[in-house]
C-alpha atoms as a PDB file:
ATOM      1  CA  MET A   1     105.842 100.876  87.970  1.00  0.00           C
ATOM      2  CA  LYS A   2     107.695  97.575  88.386  1.00  0.00           C
ATOM      3  CA  MET A   3     109.265  96.095  85.231  1.00  0.00           C
ATOM      4  CA  ASP A   4     108.720  92.379  84.517  1.00  0.00           C
ATOM      5  CA  LYS A   5     112.374  91.347  84.210  1.00  0.00           C
ATOM      6  CA  SER A   6     111.510  87.974  82.652  1.00  0.00           C
ATOM      7  CA  LYS A   7     110.362  89.736  79.457  1.00  0.00           C
ATOM      8  CA  TYR A   8     113.631  91.613  78.949  1.00  0.00           C
ATOM      9  CA  ASP A   9     117.154  90.591  78.035  1.00  0.00           C
ATOM     10  CA  ALA A  10     120.323  91.713  79.847  1.00  0.00           C
ATOM     11  CA  ASP A  11     120.402  94.927  77.757  1.00  0.00           C
ATOM     12  CA  GLY A  12     116.843  95.904  78.753  1.00  0.00           C
ATOM     13  CA  ASN A  13     115.298  95.009  75.384  1.00  0.00           C
ATOM     14  CA  LEU A  14     112.198  92.864  75.007  1.00  0.00           C
ATOM     15  CA  LYS A  15     113.229  89.251  74.373  1.00  0.00           C
ATOM     16  CA  ASN A  16     112.797  88.066  70.776  1.00  0.00           C
ATOM     17  CA  GLY A  17     113.798  84.843  69.063  1.00  0.00           C
ATOM     18  CA  LYS A  18     114.948  81.486  70.342  1.00  0.00           C
ATOM     19  CA  LYS A  19     116.005  81.403  73.988  1.00  0.00           C
ATOM     20  CA  THR A  20     117.782  78.655  75.897  1.00  0.00           C
ATOM     21  CA  ASP A  21     117.907  78.945  79.691  1.00  0.00           C
ATOM     22  CA  HIS A  22     120.334  76.977  81.854  1.00  0.00           C
ATOM     23  CA  TYR A  23     120.513  75.738  85.427  1.00  0.00           C
ATOM     24  CA  LYS A  24     123.373  77.127  87.547  1.00  0.00           C
ATOM     25  CA  GLY A  25     125.426  74.027  86.733  1.00  0.00           C
ATOM     26  CA  GLY A  26     125.110  74.703  82.996  1.00  0.00           C
ATOM     27  CA  GLU A  27     122.494  72.083  82.120  1.00  0.00           C
ATOM     28  CA  VAL A  28     119.712  73.186  79.763  1.00  0.00           C
ATOM     29  CA  CYS A  29     116.570  74.167  81.683  1.00  0.00           C
ATOM     30  CA  SER A  30     114.260  75.329  78.877  1.00  0.00           C
ATOM     31  CA  VAL A  31     114.188  76.090  75.153  1.00  0.00           C
ATOM     32  CA  GLY A  32     111.589  78.196  73.362  1.00  0.00           C
ATOM     33  CA  MET A  33     110.763  81.323  71.407  1.00  0.00           C
ATOM     34  CA  TYR A  34     109.957  84.849  72.512  1.00  0.00           C
ATOM     35  CA  VAL A  35     108.041  87.408  70.481  1.00  0.00           C
ATOM     36  CA  ASP A  36     108.084  90.935  71.942  1.00  0.00           C
ATOM     37  CA  GLY A  37     108.863  89.579  75.422  1.00  0.00           C
ATOM     38  CA  GLU A  38     106.112  86.941  75.379  1.00  0.00           C
ATOM     39  CA  LYS A  39     106.646  83.179  75.266  1.00  0.00           C
ATOM     40  CA  GLU A  40     105.273  81.957  71.946  1.00  0.00           C
ATOM     41  CA  GLY A  41     105.053  78.599  70.200  1.00  0.00           C
ATOM     42  CA  LEU A  42     106.596  75.316  71.274  1.00  0.00           C
ATOM     43  CA  TRP A  43     108.575  75.233  74.537  1.00  0.00           C
ATOM     44  CA  LYS A  44     110.505  72.394  76.122  1.00  0.00           C
ATOM     45  CA  PHE A  45     111.524  72.184  79.778  1.00  0.00           C
ATOM     46  CA  TYR A  46     114.177  69.794  81.085  1.00  0.00           C
ATOM     47  CA  PHE A  47     115.212  68.151  84.343  1.00  0.00           C
ATOM     48  CA  LYS A  48     118.795  68.677  85.472  1.00  0.00           C
ATOM     49  CA  ASN A  49     119.551  65.134  84.272  1.00  0.00           C
ATOM     50  CA  GLY A  50     118.805  66.303  80.698  1.00  0.00           C
ATOM     51  CA  LYS A  51     115.553  64.376  80.309  1.00  0.00           C
ATOM     52  CA  LEU A  52     112.454  66.160  79.051  1.00  0.00           C
ATOM     53  CA  GLN A  53     110.216  67.429  81.881  1.00  0.00           C
ATOM     54  CA  SER A  54     107.398  68.993  79.839  1.00  0.00           C
ATOM     55  CA  THR A  55     106.582  70.224  76.386  1.00  0.00           C
ATOM     56  CA  GLY A  56     103.787  72.356  75.009  1.00  0.00           C
ATOM     57  CA  LYS A  57     102.862  75.614  73.393  1.00  0.00           C
ATOM     58  CA  TYR A  58     102.501  79.160  74.602  1.00  0.00           C
ATOM     59  CA  LYS A  59     100.400  81.882  73.019  1.00  0.00           C
ATOM     60  CA  LEU A  60     101.009  85.436  74.245  1.00  0.00           C
ATOM     61  CA  ASP A  61     102.902  84.102  77.288  1.00  0.00           C
ATOM     62  CA  LYS A  62     100.046  81.757  78.324  1.00  0.00           C
ATOM     63  CA  LEU A  63      99.890  77.966  78.275  1.00  0.00           C
ATOM     64  CA  ALA A  64      97.892  77.036  75.174  1.00  0.00           C
ATOM     65  CA  GLY A  65      96.806  73.797  73.547  1.00  0.00           C
ATOM     66  CA  SER A  66      98.263  70.355  74.261  1.00  0.00           C
ATOM     67  CA  TRP A  67     100.954  69.713  76.871  1.00  0.00           C
ATOM     68  CA  LYS A  68     102.827  66.636  78.071  1.00  0.00           C
ATOM     69  CA  TRP A  69     104.654  66.152  81.380  1.00  0.00           C
ATOM     70  CA  TYR A  70     107.244  63.473  82.137  1.00  0.00           C
ATOM     71  CA  ARG A  71     108.919  61.953  85.163  1.00  0.00           C
ATOM     72  CA  GLU A  72     112.692  62.214  85.705  1.00  0.00           C
ATOM     73  CA  ASN A  73     113.099  58.673  84.374  1.00  0.00           C
ATOM     74  CA  GLY A  74     111.499  59.727  81.066  1.00  0.00           C
ATOM     75  CA  GLU A  75     108.133  58.016  81.626  1.00  0.00           C
ATOM     76  CA  LEU A  76     105.001  59.940  80.646  1.00  0.00           C
ATOM     77  CA  MET A  77     103.252  61.395  83.713  1.00  0.00           C
ATOM     78  CA  GLN A  78     100.333  63.441  82.338  1.00  0.00           C
ATOM     79  CA  THR A  79      98.800  64.870  79.176  1.00  0.00           C
ATOM     80  CA  GLY A  80      96.277  67.657  78.796  1.00  0.00           C
ATOM     81  CA  SER A  81      95.301  70.903  77.118  1.00  0.00           C
ATOM     82  CA  PHE A  82      94.633  74.493  78.059  1.00  0.00           C
ATOM     83  CA  ASP A  83      92.149  77.030  76.700  1.00  0.00           C
ATOM     84  CA  SER A  84      92.902  80.701  75.940  1.00  0.00           C
ATOM     85  CA  GLU A  85      92.492  81.569  79.645  1.00  0.00           C
ATOM     86  CA  GLU A  86      95.070  78.940  80.721  1.00  0.00           C
ATOM     87  CA  LYS A  87      92.329  76.744  82.182  1.00  0.00           C
ATOM     88  CA  LYS A  88      92.346  72.981  81.758  1.00  0.00           C
ATOM     89  CA  SER A  89      90.316  72.012  78.719  1.00  0.00           C
ATOM     90  CA  GLY A  90      89.582  68.834  76.779  1.00  0.00           C
ATOM     91  CA  LYS A  91      90.861  65.328  77.483  1.00  0.00           C
ATOM     92  CA  TRP A  92      93.318  64.824  80.361  1.00  0.00           C
ATOM     93  CA  LYS A  93      95.164  61.644  81.310  1.00  0.00           C
ATOM     94  CA  ARG A  94      97.481  60.800  84.194  1.00  0.00           C
ATOM     95  CA  TYR A  95      99.770  57.785  84.441  1.00  0.00           C
ATOM     96  CA  TYR A  96     101.274  55.740  87.273  1.00  0.00           C
ATOM     97  CA  PRO A  97     105.075  55.571  87.493  1.00  0.00           C
ATOM     98  CA  ASN A  98     104.868  52.116  85.857  1.00  0.00           C
ATOM     99  CA  GLY A  99     103.281  53.728  82.759  1.00  0.00           C
ATOM    100  CA  THR A 100      99.765  52.383  83.351  1.00  0.00           C
ATOM    101  CA  LEU A 101      96.875  54.811  82.939  1.00  0.00           C
ATOM    102  CA  MET A 102      95.763  56.202  86.332  1.00  0.00           C
ATOM    103  CA  ASP A 103      92.740  58.272  85.308  1.00  0.00           C
ATOM    104  CA  GLU A 104      91.188  60.072  82.372  1.00  0.00           C
ATOM    105  CA  GLY A 105      88.424  62.543  81.721  1.00  0.00           C
ATOM    106  CA  GLU A 106      87.429  65.903  80.289  1.00  0.00           C
ATOM    107  CA  PHE A 107      87.724  69.477  81.478  1.00  0.00           C
ATOM    108  CA  THR A 108      85.859  72.573  80.337  1.00  0.00           C
ATOM    109  CA  ALA A 109      87.050  75.980  81.576  1.00  0.00           C
ATOM    110  CA  GLY A 110      89.116  74.275  84.290  1.00  0.00           C
ATOM    111  CA  LYS A 111      86.289  72.124  85.654  1.00  0.00           C
ATOM    112  CA  LYS A 112      85.789  68.378  85.379  1.00  0.00           C
ATOM    113  CA  ILE A 113      82.839  67.387  83.218  1.00  0.00           C
ATOM    114  CA  GLY A 114      81.268  64.149  82.086  1.00  0.00           C
ATOM    115  CA  GLU A 115      82.583  60.697  82.867  1.00  0.00           C
ATOM    116  CA  TRP A 116      85.937  60.237  84.596  1.00  0.00           C
ATOM    117  CA  LYS A 117      87.544  56.833  84.886  1.00  0.00           C
ATOM    118  CA  GLN A 118      90.065  55.736  87.518  1.00  0.00           C
ATOM    119  CA  TYR A 119      92.253  52.664  87.106  1.00  0.00           C
ATOM    120  CA  ASP A 120      94.388  50.603  89.466  1.00  0.00           C
ATOM    121  CA  LYS A 121      98.133  50.127  88.923  1.00  0.00           C
ATOM    122  CA  LEU A 122      97.451  47.053  86.776  1.00  0.00           C
ATOM    123  CA  GLY A 123      95.204  49.017  84.416  1.00  0.00           C
ATOM    124  CA  GLU A 124      91.893  47.596  85.648  1.00  0.00           C
ATOM    125  CA  LEU A 125      88.982  50.043  85.812  1.00  0.00           C
ATOM    126  CA  LYS A 126      88.195  50.598  89.490  1.00  0.00           C
ATOM    127  CA  LYS A 127      85.817  53.569  89.476  1.00  0.00           C
ATOM    128  CA  LYS A 128      83.690  55.760  87.229  1.00  0.00           C
ATOM    129  CA  SER A 129      82.531  59.197  88.316  1.00  0.00           C
ATOM    130  CA  HIS A 130      80.307  61.719  86.579  1.00  0.00           C
ATOM    131  CA  TYR A 131      80.880  65.438  86.893  1.00  0.00           C
ATOM    132  CA  LYS A 132      78.925  68.531  86.037  1.00  0.00           C
ATOM    133  CA  GLY A 133      81.152  71.593  86.518  1.00  0.00           C
ATOM    134  CA  SER A 134      83.510  69.766  88.977  1.00  0.00           C
ATOM    135  CA  ARG A 135      80.598  68.591  91.094  1.00  0.00           C
ATOM    136  CA  ARG A 136      80.446  64.828  91.231  1.00  0.00           C
ATOM    137  CA  GLN A 137      77.084  63.352  90.258  1.00  0.00           C
ATOM    138  CA  SER A 138      75.901  59.989  91.529  1.00  0.00           C
END
């Protein structure tokens, strides 16, 4: 049986406690907690330039709850949440590089539902779509 090396420390013990990983050049890559080899609680991931890349929670080594992703310049890129099966859930928003809202809508079990709105780079509403289980309705 193959051992999942990411769950174990250099001594072969399950990872526990706060863990900081680094890029080869020494810059911080990620910071978070392990409980019995599983990512747990709040985690932060960083670009090599030191700016925050993403932040969110893990539960039993799975993405859980609200997450935020950023661009290398620090601008917000996307927000969203995950359910207990790591599927997109709840309200999601994406942003243009200029910070203007690109689109927004809801997911249930990883599928688009309800009304989704798309905006142009100036923030003007350009399109509304309706979804039922990721199938666009007219």
